[in-house]
Amino acid sequence: MSVLPPANLAALQLLQQTHLTSLASGAKERQADSNAILTVTASPAQPRQPDPLFSPTLVDVNKLKVHYMEQVGKALGLDVDDFESASAFGQVINTAVLEIKRAPDGDRIIRKIEEDTGLDKLGVSLMDFAKALIDPDSNAAERLDAALREAATAEAGDNVADGPVRFDEIGIYSFI
């Protein structure tokens, strides 16, 4: 025959844990006054910060890069899935840009492609985009990644302001 603990035992344990953490925080203050090593203890009463990895407003830089690859591919009549790697795709873009530049209105056509794909808003030229895809360790790739991170941060900020999800004071999601 098993004995079930009374229902108020769980409440008592929670109260004891809260009391112990308040005692520990008092000990921390005493340790800080005596210049001893400060020990941090986790309190179950303090909310944890939500992990940004699971945030509904997270915008991934790699997803943005793939989005721009698809947009450039559409503008040039290419399909990203037809290529084995981003480098191969970048080589074809580079060749296409060089061919377009040889045309009489080549610069205007390239500017139009940059406007249509949104690369101009990133501040990245079509040629730099191709170079970044060809060599991920190049300066062009660093500039592209910085521009994509900035765009992702701006987009995430817009989603937080306009999104249907908000956080309350203890970090719990709720719908507006």
Protein backbone atom coordinates (compact mmCIF):
# COMPACT_ATOMS: atom_id res chain seq x y z
CA MET A 1 0.00 0.00 0.00
CA SER A 2 1.53 3.31 -1.05
CA VAL A 3 1.10 6.45 0.91
CA LEU A 4 0.30 9.58 -1.05
CA PRO A 5 1.71 12.82 0.30
CA PRO A 6 -0.80 15.48 1.23
CA ALA A 7 -1.65 18.03 -1.47
CA ASN A 8 -0.24 20.91 0.55
CA LEU A 9 3.20 19.23 0.68
CA ALA A 10 4.01 20.45 -2.83
CA ALA A 11 3.07 24.00 -1.87
CA LEU A 12 5.22 23.72 1.24
CA GLN A 13 8.20 22.56 -0.82
CA LEU A 14 7.78 25.50 -3.20
CA LEU A 15 7.64 27.91 -0.30
CA GLN A 16 10.75 26.36 1.22
CA GLN A 17 12.63 26.68 -2.09
CA THR A 18 11.64 30.34 -2.35
CA HIS A 19 12.75 30.88 1.25
CA LEU A 20 16.08 29.16 0.57
CA THR A 21 16.75 31.31 -2.49
CA SER A 22 16.02 34.47 -0.52
CA LEU A 23 18.48 33.26 2.12
CA ALA A 24 21.02 32.56 -0.61
CA SER A 25 20.60 36.08 -2.02
CA GLY A 26 21.27 37.49 1.46
CA ALA A 27 24.40 35.34 1.59
CA LYS A 28 25.47 36.74 -1.78
CA GLU A 29 25.21 40.27 -0.41
CA ARG A 30 27.31 39.30 2.61
CA GLN A 31 29.90 37.68 0.34
CA ALA A 32 30.06 40.77 -1.85
CA ASP A 33 30.66 42.93 1.21
CA SER A 34 33.54 40.73 2.36
CA ASN A 35 35.17 40.69 -1.15
CA ALA A 36 34.75 36.91 -1.37
CA ILE A 37 33.91 35.04 -4.56
CA LEU A 38 30.33 35.71 -5.60
CA THR A 39 28.25 32.59 -6.08
CA VAL A 40 25.18 32.84 -8.27
CA THR A 41 22.28 30.52 -7.61
CA ALA A 42 19.30 30.13 -9.89
CA SER A 43 15.96 31.01 -8.43
CA PRO A 44 12.85 29.24 -9.66
CA ALA A 45 10.92 32.46 -9.04
CA GLN A 46 12.94 34.35 -11.67
CA PRO A 47 11.72 33.91 -15.25
CA ARG A 48 14.15 32.65 -17.85
CA GLN A 49 14.69 34.79 -20.89
CA PRO A 50 13.12 33.23 -23.97
CA ASP A 51 15.62 31.55 -26.26
CA PRO A 52 15.95 33.62 -29.46
CA LEU A 53 16.41 30.41 -31.45
CA PHE A 54 12.73 29.62 -30.92
CA SER A 55 11.48 33.16 -31.32
CA PRO A 56 8.61 33.52 -33.79
CA THR A 57 10.22 36.72 -35.05
CA LEU A 58 13.61 35.16 -35.86
CA VAL A 59 14.78 35.90 -39.39
CA ASP A 60 17.58 33.63 -40.58
CA VAL A 61 20.41 35.19 -42.62
CA ASN A 62 20.84 32.00 -44.66
CA LYS A 63 17.16 31.99 -45.58
CA LEU A 64 17.50 35.59 -46.73
CA LYS A 65 20.52 34.67 -48.84
CA VAL A 66 18.59 31.84 -50.47
CA HIS A 67 15.69 34.23 -51.07
CA TYR A 68 17.99 36.66 -52.89
CA MET A 69 19.55 33.80 -54.84
CA GLU A 70 16.09 32.77 -56.02
CA GLN A 71 15.21 36.35 -56.95
CA VAL A 72 18.43 36.83 -58.94
CA GLY A 73 17.86 33.45 -60.57
CA LYS A 74 14.36 34.47 -61.67
CA ALA A 75 15.68 37.74 -63.07
CA LEU A 76 18.35 35.95 -65.09
CA GLY A 77 16.18 32.96 -66.05
CA LEU A 78 18.03 30.50 -63.81
CA ASP A 79 16.78 27.95 -61.29
CA VAL A 80 18.81 27.61 -58.09
CA ASP A 81 17.93 23.91 -57.82
CA ASP A 82 19.71 23.18 -61.12
CA PHE A 83 23.12 23.88 -59.54
CA GLU A 84 25.16 21.65 -57.26
CA SER A 85 26.44 24.48 -55.10
CA ALA A 86 26.10 28.18 -54.44
CA SER A 87 29.56 28.65 -55.94
CA ALA A 88 28.46 27.13 -59.24
CA PHE A 89 25.38 29.36 -59.20
CA GLY A 90 27.60 32.38 -58.50
CA GLN A 91 29.87 31.48 -61.45
CA VAL A 92 26.89 31.46 -63.81
CA ILE A 93 25.65 34.79 -62.40
CA ASN A 94 29.13 36.26 -62.83
CA THR A 95 29.26 35.11 -66.47
CA ALA A 96 25.75 36.47 -67.13
CA VAL A 97 26.62 39.86 -65.60
CA LEU A 98 29.76 40.14 -67.73
CA GLU A 99 27.70 39.36 -70.86
CA ILE A 100 25.05 41.91 -69.91
CA LYS A 101 27.73 44.58 -69.33
CA ARG A 102 28.93 44.11 -72.93
CA ALA A 103 25.48 45.10 -74.21
CA PRO A 104 24.87 48.79 -75.13
CA ASP A 105 22.42 49.32 -72.20
CA GLY A 106 24.17 46.83 -69.92
CA ASP A 107 24.58 49.09 -66.89
CA ARG A 108 20.92 50.11 -66.99
CA ILE A 109 19.84 46.46 -67.25
CA ILE A 110 22.02 45.49 -64.28
CA ARG A 111 20.62 48.38 -62.20
CA LYS A 112 17.10 47.24 -63.10
CA ILE A 113 17.89 43.67 -61.99
CA GLU A 114 19.35 44.98 -58.71
CA GLU A 115 16.19 47.03 -58.10
CA ASP A 116 13.85 44.17 -58.98
CA THR A 117 15.66 41.68 -56.74
CA GLY A 118 16.13 44.07 -53.82
CA LEU A 119 19.93 43.96 -53.86
CA ASP A 120 20.01 47.76 -54.16
CA LYS A 121 18.24 48.04 -50.80
CA LEU A 122 20.95 45.84 -49.29
CA GLY A 123 23.63 48.04 -50.82
CA VAL A 124 25.13 45.07 -52.68
CA SER A 125 25.83 45.06 -56.40
CA LEU A 126 24.95 42.10 -58.58
CA MET A 127 28.64 41.47 -59.26
CA ASP A 128 29.45 41.51 -55.52
CA PHE A 129 26.57 39.11 -54.91
CA ALA A 130 28.03 36.72 -57.47
CA LYS A 131 31.54 37.07 -55.97
CA ALA A 132 30.15 36.39 -52.49
CA LEU A 133 28.53 33.18 -53.71
CA ILE A 134 31.69 32.06 -55.51
CA ASP A 135 34.04 32.66 -52.57
CA PRO A 136 32.39 32.62 -49.12
CA ASP A 137 35.63 33.90 -47.53
CA SER A 138 35.95 37.01 -49.71
CA ASN A 139 35.40 40.64 -48.75
CA ALA A 140 32.26 40.63 -50.91
CA ALA A 141 30.88 37.73 -48.84
CA GLU A 142 31.59 39.61 -45.61
CA ARG A 143 29.79 42.70 -46.93
CA LEU A 144 26.85 40.58 -48.09
CA ASP A 145 26.59 38.81 -44.73
CA ALA A 146 26.73 42.13 -42.87
CA ALA A 147 24.00 43.57 -45.10
CA LEU A 148 21.87 40.44 -44.64
CA ARG A 149 22.30 40.54 -40.85
CA GLU A 150 21.25 44.20 -40.84
CA ALA A 151 18.23 43.41 -43.02
CA ALA A 152 17.33 40.43 -40.80
CA THR A 153 17.56 42.59 -37.69
CA ALA A 154 15.38 45.28 -39.26
CA GLU A 155 12.86 42.69 -40.45
CA ALA A 156 12.74 41.03 -37.03
CA GLY A 157 12.16 44.43 -35.43
CA ASP A 158 9.27 45.09 -37.82
CA ASN A 159 7.76 41.70 -37.03
CA VAL A 160 7.91 42.34 -33.30
CA ALA A 161 6.04 45.61 -33.68
CA ASP A 162 3.42 44.25 -36.08
CA GLY A 163 3.22 40.60 -35.05
CA PRO A 164 0.25 38.97 -33.36
CA VAL A 165 2.45 37.58 -30.56
CA ARG A 166 3.72 39.51 -27.57
CA PHE A 167 5.60 38.72 -24.37
CA ASP A 168 4.27 39.48 -20.93
CA GLU A 169 6.45 40.58 -18.01
CA ILE A 170 7.63 37.04 -17.21
CA GLY A 171 8.46 36.08 -20.81
CA ILE A 172 5.38 34.05 -21.70
CA TYR A 173 3.98 34.27 -25.23
CA SER A 174 0.45 35.50 -25.66
CA PHE A 175 -1.65 36.56 -28.61
CA ILE A 176 -2.75 40.12 -29.07
